[in-house]
Amino acid sequence: MQISDLIILVVLLGFMGSYLPVFLCLFFTASIGFYFFLDMPLALLAQTLFRSLDKFSLVVVLFFILCGNIMGKGKTVEKLINMANALVSWLPGGLGMAGVIGCGLFGAISGSTVATVVALGGFMIPALIKNGYDEDYTLGLMTTSPNLGVIIPPSISMIFYSMISNESLEGLFITGFIPGFLIVFCVCIYSFLLYRKREDIKRFPAPDFRQLFYILKEGFWAVMLIVIIFGGIFSGIFTANEAAVVASVYAFFVECFIYKSMNFMDIKDVTVNSAVTSATLLLIVAAATCFGRYLTFENIPNRVAEVVVGNISSPIVFLLAMNILLLIIGMFMDIISATLILGPVFLPLLGPFNVDPMHFGLIMTVNLAIGYCTPPMGVSLFITGALAKRDIIFVSRSVMPFLAIQIGVLFFLTYCPGIVLFLPKMFGYH
């Protein structure tokens, strides 16, 4: 490691340890690197800043954010939860199963963990506690299950990974279905085993055919949004960018004219909030791109690759090291910044170890998604704590069994690439 690399690392950590927003930490560090260690004009940094946002592929991020916010504001969440309840709430631990299934369904619309925590947490946490479920189980479940928002497509982090790796976005999207299903299945089994002998837990009666038909009828329009997104993308009717726009228009139509849950002022609020969220995200993208450009000019990705290849010879050890490193990084850095900064560093390492870039994209996404639930900077911990009025220590303890499940699924998929790549190959995206 050169002295300049050490200085930049210290500067970046120093900024991130302060109260500065992430995008300023990255941009200021890149500016210092350009000014003191590169023989290049600062105008190049300004050019990078603006060109990083001049990408049509970013449209898909903006509209999926809008679509998720529409769903969270309207009645779609309620309809999805009602459907999940009808399917499993009569089982032991069924309401908890409904919570994780609801997160999976909403994640297939929003593409965001934070949106899923906010939309479903405020709804499910009081319901679970009211029906006798333990508070630590409830908070752990509703803190970790929203990770499905960035694992099950559409995933915002996978969109950015596609940008830096040039892998098929549709192919990356489809890698998330099997991990998402495995996490939902394992959490449901855990809930069943935990509450199968508990007589104090309220269980809902199994719905009869008429009730089930009514619930499915009410949730039809919500489920059709998922069908439109994935049916349109994977049938070739429209691209992922077009799917995001169509989904947003459809969501507005359903909430305004079918469920009638939104008026003009609600539309205005949702649009403004989505614009603010998108702007915040784009600032991170711009700053991370500037920092990534500095790393490229300093040839840091290739130097890291040489060190790793020189010290690790086994693909098994390499993947283990990547998982441990990404889990640690996820504790301190948000998923978008980590993907944009570390993706270009790690991609050159994949070839020597014969690791498929699409497989690694899924591994990276799941790893960094887990970071939403790990202290000290796990955003989901703070949101759930605020909703339940509990401190971060209590919430951090509550998530441990569920994190163990997700980490177990992560390592299973890490060493079984055939399972991850099965669907992309079947649909011709690999």
Protein backbone atom coordinates (compact mmCIF):
# COMPACT_ATOMS: atom_id res chain seq x y z
CA MET A 1 0.00 0.00 0.00
CA GLN A 2 1.34 3.41 -0.99
CA ILE A 3 1.38 6.33 1.41
CA SER A 4 -1.24 8.14 -0.72
CA ASP A 5 -3.59 5.15 -0.39
CA LEU A 6 -3.22 5.19 3.38
CA ILE A 7 -3.87 8.93 3.56
CA ILE A 8 -7.02 8.65 1.41
CA LEU A 9 -8.29 5.76 3.55
CA VAL A 10 -7.75 7.74 6.75
CA VAL A 11 -9.43 10.82 5.23
CA LEU A 12 -12.45 8.78 4.10
CA LEU A 13 -12.84 7.07 7.48
CA GLY A 14 -12.44 10.42 9.22
CA PHE A 15 -15.17 12.00 7.16
CA MET A 16 -17.49 9.01 7.65
CA GLY A 17 -16.91 9.16 11.39
CA SER A 18 -18.14 12.75 11.41
CA TYR A 19 -21.66 14.03 10.89
CA LEU A 20 -21.16 14.64 7.16
CA PRO A 21 -23.61 12.96 4.76
CA VAL A 22 -22.20 9.99 2.85
CA PHE A 23 -22.15 11.76 -0.51
CA LEU A 24 -20.07 14.63 0.91
CA CYS A 25 -17.64 12.16 2.51
CA LEU A 26 -17.06 10.51 -0.85
CA PHE A 27 -16.88 13.73 -2.86
CA PHE A 28 -14.53 15.53 -0.46
CA THR A 29 -12.24 12.50 -0.33
CA ALA A 30 -12.19 12.29 -4.14
CA SER A 31 -11.44 16.02 -4.36
CA ILE A 32 -8.50 15.71 -1.96
CA GLY A 33 -7.19 12.74 -3.92
CA PHE A 34 -7.45 14.58 -7.25
CA TYR A 35 -5.83 17.76 -5.90
CA PHE A 36 -2.90 16.25 -4.00
CA PHE A 37 -2.15 12.88 -5.63
CA LEU A 38 -3.19 13.11 -9.29
CA ASP A 39 -1.59 15.23 -11.97
CA MET A 40 -4.95 16.03 -13.51
CA PRO A 41 -7.16 19.13 -13.63
CA LEU A 42 -10.01 19.37 -11.16
CA ALA A 43 -12.27 20.12 -14.13
CA LEU A 44 -12.15 16.39 -14.83
CA LEU A 45 -13.74 15.79 -11.45
CA ALA A 46 -16.54 18.23 -12.24
CA GLN A 47 -17.06 16.53 -15.59
CA THR A 48 -17.28 13.14 -13.88
CA LEU A 49 -19.79 14.54 -11.41
CA PHE A 50 -22.23 15.56 -14.13
CA ARG A 51 -21.64 12.70 -16.56
CA SER A 52 -22.34 10.15 -13.82
CA LEU A 53 -25.98 11.31 -13.79
CA ASP A 54 -26.35 11.50 -17.57
CA LYS A 55 -27.42 7.86 -17.87
CA PHE A 56 -30.76 6.66 -19.14
CA SER A 57 -30.50 3.54 -16.95
CA LEU A 58 -31.07 5.71 -13.86
CA VAL A 59 -34.67 6.25 -14.96
CA VAL A 60 -35.56 2.78 -13.72
CA VAL A 61 -34.39 3.69 -10.20
CA LEU A 62 -36.43 6.88 -10.07
CA PHE A 63 -39.68 5.30 -11.21
CA PHE A 64 -39.41 2.22 -8.99
CA ILE A 65 -38.95 4.58 -6.04
CA LEU A 66 -42.09 6.43 -7.13
CA CYS A 67 -44.01 3.17 -7.57
CA GLY A 68 -43.01 1.92 -4.12
CA ASN A 69 -44.04 5.19 -2.48
CA ILE A 70 -47.44 5.09 -4.20
CA MET A 71 -48.01 1.57 -2.92
CA GLY A 72 -46.95 2.53 0.59
CA LYS A 73 -49.27 5.53 0.64
CA GLY A 74 -52.29 3.70 -0.72
CA LYS A 75 -54.09 0.49 0.17
CA THR A 76 -51.85 -1.95 -1.68
CA VAL A 77 -49.92 -2.91 1.46
CA GLU A 78 -53.16 -3.68 3.28
CA LYS A 79 -54.40 -5.83 0.38
CA LEU A 80 -51.13 -7.77 0.17
CA ILE A 81 -51.11 -8.42 3.92
CA ASN A 82 -54.72 -9.58 3.80
CA MET A 83 -53.83 -12.05 1.07
CA ALA A 84 -50.84 -13.34 3.02
CA ASN A 85 -53.00 -13.67 6.14
CA ALA A 86 -55.59 -15.68 4.25
CA LEU A 87 -52.92 -18.10 3.06
CA VAL A 88 -51.03 -18.80 6.31
CA SER A 89 -52.39 -16.96 9.37
CA TRP A 90 -54.38 -20.05 10.50
CA LEU A 91 -51.09 -21.98 10.97
CA PRO A 92 -48.98 -21.88 14.17
CA GLY A 93 -46.90 -18.71 13.85
CA GLY A 94 -49.05 -17.85 10.85
CA LEU A 95 -49.23 -14.09 11.40
CA GLY A 96 -45.43 -13.98 11.45
CA MET A 97 -45.40 -16.00 8.22
CA ALA A 98 -47.83 -13.47 6.74
CA GLY A 99 -45.39 -10.69 7.71
CA VAL A 100 -42.44 -12.17 5.83
CA ILE A 101 -44.60 -13.13 2.83
CA GLY A 102 -46.00 -9.60 2.77
CA CYS A 103 -42.45 -8.22 2.76
CA GLY A 104 -41.62 -10.45 -0.17
CA LEU A 105 -44.69 -9.31 -2.12
CA PHE A 106 -44.11 -5.63 -1.37
CA GLY A 107 -40.40 -6.02 -2.15
CA ALA A 108 -41.41 -7.22 -5.61
CA ILE A 109 -42.90 -3.77 -6.13
CA SER A 110 -40.73 -1.29 -4.25
CA GLY A 111 -37.15 -2.56 -4.76
CA SER A 112 -36.19 -0.90 -1.49
CA THR A 113 -35.58 -2.20 2.03
CA VAL A 114 -36.28 1.11 3.75
CA ALA A 115 -39.62 1.54 1.94
CA THR A 116 -40.60 -1.99 2.96
CA VAL A 117 -39.69 -1.41 6.62
CA VAL A 118 -41.70 1.80 6.78
CA ALA A 119 -44.72 0.50 4.85
CA LEU A 120 -45.10 -2.87 6.54
CA GLY A 121 -43.45 -2.26 9.92
CA GLY A 122 -46.00 0.27 11.08
CA PHE A 123 -48.78 -2.11 10.05
CA MET A 124 -47.46 -5.49 11.21
CA ILE A 125 -45.59 -4.72 14.46
CA PRO A 126 -48.72 -3.63 16.42
CA ALA A 127 -50.75 -6.50 14.90
CA LEU A 128 -48.20 -9.16 15.92
CA ILE A 129 -47.80 -7.86 19.46
CA LYS A 130 -51.59 -7.49 19.87
CA ASN A 131 -52.04 -11.15 18.94
CA GLY A 132 -49.56 -12.38 21.56
CA TYR A 133 -46.33 -12.72 19.60
CA ASP A 134 -43.14 -12.04 21.56
CA GLU A 135 -41.78 -8.54 21.10
CA ASP A 136 -38.26 -9.69 20.28
CA TYR A 137 -39.60 -12.10 17.63
CA THR A 138 -41.82 -9.35 16.19
CA LEU A 139 -39.09 -6.74 15.96
CA GLY A 140 -36.53 -9.22 14.62
CA LEU A 141 -38.95 -10.43 11.96
CA MET A 142 -40.04 -6.98 10.78
CA THR A 143 -36.49 -5.60 10.82
CA THR A 144 -34.90 -8.34 8.71
CA SER A 145 -37.72 -9.47 6.39
CA PRO A 146 -37.75 -6.13 4.53
CA ASN A 147 -34.27 -7.09 3.21
CA LEU A 148 -36.32 -8.97 0.63
CA GLY A 149 -36.97 -5.53 -0.88
CA VAL A 150 -33.48 -5.45 -2.40
CA ILE A 151 -33.10 -9.21 -2.93
CA ILE A 152 -36.36 -9.97 -4.74
CA PRO A 153 -36.49 -7.99 -8.00
CA PRO A 154 -36.78 -5.20 -8.87
CA SER A 155 -33.71 -4.41 -6.76
CA ILE A 156 -32.25 -0.92 -6.81
CA SER A 157 -28.79 -2.18 -5.82
CA MET A 158 -28.82 -4.70 -8.70
CA ILE A 159 -29.58 -1.83 -11.09
CA PHE A 160 -26.37 -0.11 -10.01
CA TYR A 161 -24.39 -3.34 -10.12
CA SER A 162 -25.61 -3.82 -13.71
CA MET A 163 -24.38 -0.31 -14.55
CA ILE A 164 -20.82 -0.98 -13.35
CA SER A 165 -20.51 -4.60 -14.50
CA ASN A 166 -22.40 -4.46 -17.82
CA GLU A 167 -24.25 -7.63 -16.82
CA SER A 168 -27.84 -8.05 -18.02
CA LEU A 169 -30.19 -6.21 -15.66
CA GLU A 170 -32.99 -8.66 -16.40
CA GLY A 171 -30.61 -11.54 -15.67
CA LEU A 172 -29.54 -9.99 -12.38
CA PHE A 173 -33.16 -9.38 -11.43
CA ILE A 174 -34.07 -13.00 -11.97
CA THR A 175 -31.22 -14.26 -9.75
CA GLY A 176 -33.09 -12.79 -6.76
CA PHE A 177 -36.16 -15.03 -6.93
CA ILE A 178 -34.60 -18.22 -5.52
CA PRO A 179 -32.76 -16.48 -2.61
CA GLY A 180 -35.95 -14.58 -1.79
CA PHE A 181 -38.01 -17.76 -1.78
CA LEU A 182 -35.45 -19.58 0.39
CA ILE A 183 -35.41 -16.79 2.98
CA VAL A 184 -39.22 -16.65 3.11
CA PHE A 185 -39.43 -20.45 3.39
CA CYS A 186 -36.80 -20.69 6.15
CA VAL A 187 -38.39 -17.87 8.19
CA CYS A 188 -41.80 -19.54 7.86
CA ILE A 189 -40.37 -22.86 9.08
CA TYR A 190 -38.64 -21.08 11.99
CA SER A 191 -41.92 -19.34 12.93
CA PHE A 192 -43.85 -22.61 12.76
CA LEU A 193 -41.35 -24.46 14.98
CA LEU A 194 -41.15 -21.58 17.45
CA TYR A 195 -44.92 -21.27 17.97
CA ARG A 196 -46.27 -24.73 17.20
CA LYS A 197 -46.83 -25.54 20.91
CA ARG A 198 -47.80 -22.07 22.11
CA GLU A 199 -51.45 -22.04 23.14
CA ASP A 200 -51.40 -18.36 24.12
CA ILE A 201 -50.87 -17.17 20.57
CA LYS A 202 -54.04 -16.13 18.81
CA ARG A 203 -54.60 -18.09 15.59
CA PHE A 204 -57.04 -16.97 12.96
CA PRO A 205 -59.56 -19.47 11.63
CA ALA A 206 -58.92 -20.84 8.16
CA PRO A 207 -60.96 -18.79 5.65
CA ASP A 208 -63.80 -20.52 3.84
CA PHE A 209 -64.08 -20.41 0.07
CA ARG A 210 -66.24 -17.28 0.01
CA GLN A 211 -63.88 -15.33 2.29
CA LEU A 212 -60.84 -16.49 0.35
CA PHE A 213 -62.46 -15.51 -2.95
CA TYR A 214 -63.32 -12.04 -1.61
CA ILE A 215 -59.79 -11.45 -0.28
CA LEU A 216 -58.20 -12.58 -3.54
CA LYS A 217 -60.63 -10.41 -5.49
CA GLU A 218 -59.74 -7.37 -3.38
CA GLY A 219 -56.01 -8.07 -3.79
CA PHE A 220 -56.23 -8.80 -7.51
CA TRP A 221 -55.18 -5.32 -8.60
CA ALA A 222 -52.21 -5.29 -6.22
CA VAL A 223 -50.96 -8.66 -7.45
CA MET A 224 -51.44 -7.58 -11.07
CA LEU A 225 -48.80 -4.91 -10.52
CA ILE A 226 -46.26 -7.64 -9.81
CA VAL A 227 -47.48 -9.57 -12.86
CA ILE A 228 -47.17 -6.49 -15.06
CA ILE A 229 -43.61 -5.76 -13.91
CA PHE A 230 -42.19 -9.26 -14.29
CA GLY A 231 -44.49 -10.50 -17.04
CA GLY A 232 -43.65 -7.46 -19.13
CA ILE A 233 -39.90 -7.66 -18.56
CA PHE A 234 -39.38 -11.39 -19.00
CA SER A 235 -41.81 -11.75 -21.90
CA GLY A 236 -39.97 -9.01 -23.78
CA ILE A 237 -43.00 -6.71 -24.02
CA PHE A 238 -40.99 -3.88 -22.48
CA THR A 239 -37.59 -3.23 -20.92
CA ALA A 240 -36.88 -2.78 -17.21
CA ASN A 241 -36.91 1.02 -17.71
CA GLU A 242 -40.28 0.90 -19.41
CA ALA A 243 -41.59 -1.52 -16.77
CA ALA A 244 -40.83 1.00 -14.03
CA VAL A 245 -42.77 3.74 -15.84
CA VAL A 246 -45.72 1.45 -16.65
CA ALA A 247 -45.79 0.23 -13.03
CA SER A 248 -45.93 3.82 -11.71
CA VAL A 249 -48.78 4.79 -14.04
CA TYR A 250 -50.67 1.60 -13.17
CA ALA A 251 -50.12 2.20 -9.43
CA PHE A 252 -51.50 5.74 -9.68
CA PHE A 253 -54.53 4.48 -11.60
CA VAL A 254 -55.29 1.68 -9.13
CA GLU A 255 -54.91 3.81 -6.01
CA CYS A 256 -56.85 6.80 -7.39
CA PHE A 257 -59.68 5.15 -9.32
CA ILE A 258 -60.07 1.56 -8.04
CA TYR A 259 -59.08 1.60 -4.37
CA LYS A 260 -59.80 5.38 -4.20
CA SER A 261 -57.24 5.77 -1.43
CA MET A 262 -55.44 8.83 -2.83
CA ASN A 263 -56.57 12.34 -3.70
CA PHE A 264 -54.77 15.14 -5.52
CA MET A 265 -52.86 16.29 -2.44
CA ASP A 266 -51.71 12.74 -1.75
CA ILE A 267 -50.43 12.49 -5.32
CA LYS A 268 -48.53 15.72 -4.84
CA ASP A 269 -47.00 14.56 -1.54
CA VAL A 270 -45.96 11.17 -2.96
CA THR A 271 -44.41 12.78 -6.03
CA VAL A 272 -42.46 15.34 -3.99
CA ASN A 273 -41.25 12.72 -1.49
CA SER A 274 -40.16 10.46 -4.34
CA ALA A 275 -38.31 13.34 -5.97
CA VAL A 276 -36.46 14.10 -2.71
CA THR A 277 -35.56 10.42 -2.22
CA SER A 278 -34.37 10.17 -5.84
CA ALA A 279 -32.30 13.35 -5.54
CA THR A 280 -30.63 12.04 -2.39
CA LEU A 281 -29.84 8.78 -4.15
CA LEU A 282 -28.44 10.55 -7.22
CA LEU A 283 -26.15 12.67 -5.04
CA ILE A 284 -24.68 9.45 -3.64
CA VAL A 285 -24.33 8.05 -7.18
CA ALA A 286 -22.49 11.17 -8.38
CA ALA A 287 -20.14 11.31 -5.39
CA ALA A 288 -19.43 7.57 -5.48
CA THR A 289 -18.65 7.79 -9.21
CA CYS A 290 -16.14 10.58 -8.53
CA PHE A 291 -14.47 8.52 -5.84
CA GLY A 292 -14.49 5.49 -8.12
CA ARG A 293 -12.81 7.53 -10.86
CA TYR A 294 -10.02 8.46 -8.45
CA LEU A 295 -9.54 4.79 -7.55
CA THR A 296 -9.33 3.93 -11.24
CA PHE A 297 -6.73 6.59 -12.00
CA GLU A 298 -4.66 5.36 -9.07
CA ASN A 299 -4.99 1.80 -10.44
CA ILE A 300 -6.18 0.62 -7.03
CA PRO A 301 -8.56 -2.11 -8.32
CA ASN A 302 -5.76 -3.82 -10.25
CA ARG A 303 -3.32 -3.51 -7.36
CA VAL A 304 -5.88 -5.02 -4.99
CA ALA A 305 -6.43 -7.83 -7.50
CA GLU A 306 -2.70 -8.59 -7.65
CA VAL A 307 -2.46 -8.76 -3.85
CA VAL A 308 -5.51 -11.00 -3.49
CA VAL A 309 -4.50 -13.34 -6.32
CA GLY A 310 -0.99 -13.55 -4.92
CA ASN A 311 -2.20 -14.57 -1.45
CA ILE A 312 -5.33 -16.63 -2.14
CA SER A 313 -5.32 -19.60 -4.48
CA SER A 314 -8.65 -21.30 -3.74
CA PRO A 315 -12.00 -20.01 -5.05
CA ILE A 316 -13.62 -21.34 -1.86
CA VAL A 317 -11.35 -19.24 0.33
CA PHE A 318 -11.78 -16.25 -1.97
CA LEU A 319 -15.58 -16.37 -1.73
CA LEU A 320 -15.38 -16.83 2.04
CA ALA A 321 -13.12 -13.78 2.31
CA MET A 322 -15.48 -11.73 0.09
CA ASN A 323 -18.49 -12.68 2.23
CA ILE A 324 -16.78 -11.77 5.49
CA LEU A 325 -15.47 -8.49 4.05
CA LEU A 326 -18.85 -7.49 2.60
CA LEU A 327 -20.68 -8.34 5.81
CA ILE A 328 -18.30 -6.06 7.72
CA ILE A 329 -18.56 -3.29 5.12
CA GLY A 330 -22.36 -3.52 5.25
CA MET A 331 -22.21 -2.58 8.93
CA PHE A 332 -20.83 0.85 8.08
CA MET A 333 -21.79 1.72 4.49
CA ASP A 334 -25.11 1.89 2.68
CA ILE A 335 -25.75 -0.59 -0.11
CA ILE A 336 -25.71 1.93 -2.97
CA SER A 337 -22.37 3.53 -2.02
CA ALA A 338 -20.80 0.14 -1.33
CA THR A 339 -21.96 -1.28 -4.67
CA LEU A 340 -20.71 1.69 -6.68
CA ILE A 341 -17.36 1.93 -4.90
CA LEU A 342 -16.47 -1.71 -4.25
CA GLY A 343 -17.97 -3.22 -7.40
CA PRO A 344 -15.21 -1.89 -9.69
CA VAL A 345 -12.60 -3.01 -7.13
CA PHE A 346 -13.92 -6.57 -6.84
CA LEU A 347 -14.86 -7.24 -10.47
CA PRO A 348 -11.24 -7.69 -11.67
CA LEU A 349 -10.79 -10.36 -8.97
CA LEU A 350 -13.49 -12.64 -10.32
CA GLY A 351 -11.75 -13.87 -13.47
CA PRO A 352 -8.71 -15.53 -11.82
CA PHE A 353 -11.02 -17.45 -9.46
CA ASN A 354 -13.56 -18.33 -12.17
CA VAL A 355 -16.41 -16.62 -10.31
CA ASP A 356 -19.35 -15.64 -12.48
CA PRO A 357 -20.03 -11.85 -12.32
CA MET A 358 -23.80 -12.42 -12.24
CA HIS A 359 -23.43 -14.87 -9.35
CA PHE A 360 -21.19 -12.40 -7.53
CA GLY A 361 -23.76 -9.63 -8.06
CA LEU A 362 -26.31 -11.68 -6.14
CA ILE A 363 -23.77 -12.48 -3.39
CA MET A 364 -22.87 -8.80 -3.05
CA THR A 365 -26.52 -7.72 -2.92
CA VAL A 366 -27.49 -10.22 -0.21
CA ASN A 367 -24.40 -9.40 1.85
CA LEU A 368 -24.99 -5.67 1.79
CA ALA A 369 -28.73 -6.12 2.37
CA ILE A 370 -27.89 -7.85 5.65
CA GLY A 371 -26.01 -4.66 6.55
CA TYR A 372 -29.37 -2.89 6.90
CA CYS A 373 -29.90 -4.94 10.07
CA THR A 374 -26.43 -4.91 11.63
CA PRO A 375 -25.18 -2.32 14.12
CA PRO A 376 -23.81 0.27 14.39
CA MET A 377 -25.30 1.87 11.25
CA GLY A 378 -28.08 -0.51 10.21
CA VAL A 379 -30.86 1.78 9.03
CA SER A 380 -33.61 -0.80 9.58
CA LEU A 381 -32.62 -1.12 13.26
CA PHE A 382 -33.27 2.56 13.85
CA ILE A 383 -36.56 2.61 11.92
CA THR A 384 -37.94 -0.42 13.76
CA GLY A 385 -36.72 0.93 17.08
CA ALA A 386 -38.55 4.19 16.43
CA LEU A 387 -41.75 2.38 15.43
CA ALA A 388 -41.67 0.16 18.53
CA LYS A 389 -40.10 2.75 20.86
CA ARG A 390 -37.22 0.42 21.69
CA ASP A 391 -33.47 1.16 21.82
CA ILE A 392 -31.06 -0.19 19.22
CA ILE A 393 -29.54 -2.71 21.64
CA PHE A 394 -32.88 -4.48 22.14
CA VAL A 395 -33.60 -4.46 18.40
CA SER A 396 -30.06 -5.69 17.62
CA ARG A 397 -30.53 -8.69 19.90
CA SER A 398 -33.93 -9.40 18.38
CA VAL A 399 -32.63 -9.72 14.82
CA MET A 400 -29.96 -12.36 15.57
CA PRO A 401 -32.00 -15.54 14.78
CA PHE A 402 -33.25 -14.03 11.53
CA LEU A 403 -29.79 -12.81 10.52
CA ALA A 404 -28.52 -16.35 11.12
CA ILE A 405 -31.13 -17.60 8.64
CA GLN A 406 -30.18 -15.04 6.02
CA ILE A 407 -26.46 -15.63 6.44
CA GLY A 408 -27.07 -19.38 6.18
CA VAL A 409 -28.95 -18.86 2.89
CA LEU A 410 -26.16 -16.55 1.72
CA PHE A 411 -23.43 -19.13 2.26
CA PHE A 412 -25.54 -21.88 0.69
CA LEU A 413 -25.98 -19.78 -2.46
CA THR A 414 -22.34 -18.71 -2.43
CA TYR A 415 -21.14 -22.26 -2.93
CA CYS A 416 -24.02 -23.41 -5.15
CA PRO A 417 -23.79 -21.04 -8.14
CA GLY A 418 -25.81 -23.44 -10.28
CA ILE A 419 -28.89 -22.72 -8.17
CA VAL A 420 -28.43 -18.95 -8.50
CA LEU A 421 -27.84 -19.08 -12.27
CA PHE A 422 -30.51 -21.67 -13.05
CA LEU A 423 -33.28 -19.15 -13.85
CA PRO A 424 -31.08 -16.71 -15.83
CA LYS A 425 -29.88 -19.60 -17.99
CA MET A 426 -33.41 -20.92 -18.44
CA PHE A 427 -34.67 -17.53 -19.65
CA GLY A 428 -31.62 -16.93 -21.85
CA TYR A 429 -30.07 -14.07 -19.86
CA HIS A 430 -26.80 -15.86 -19.11
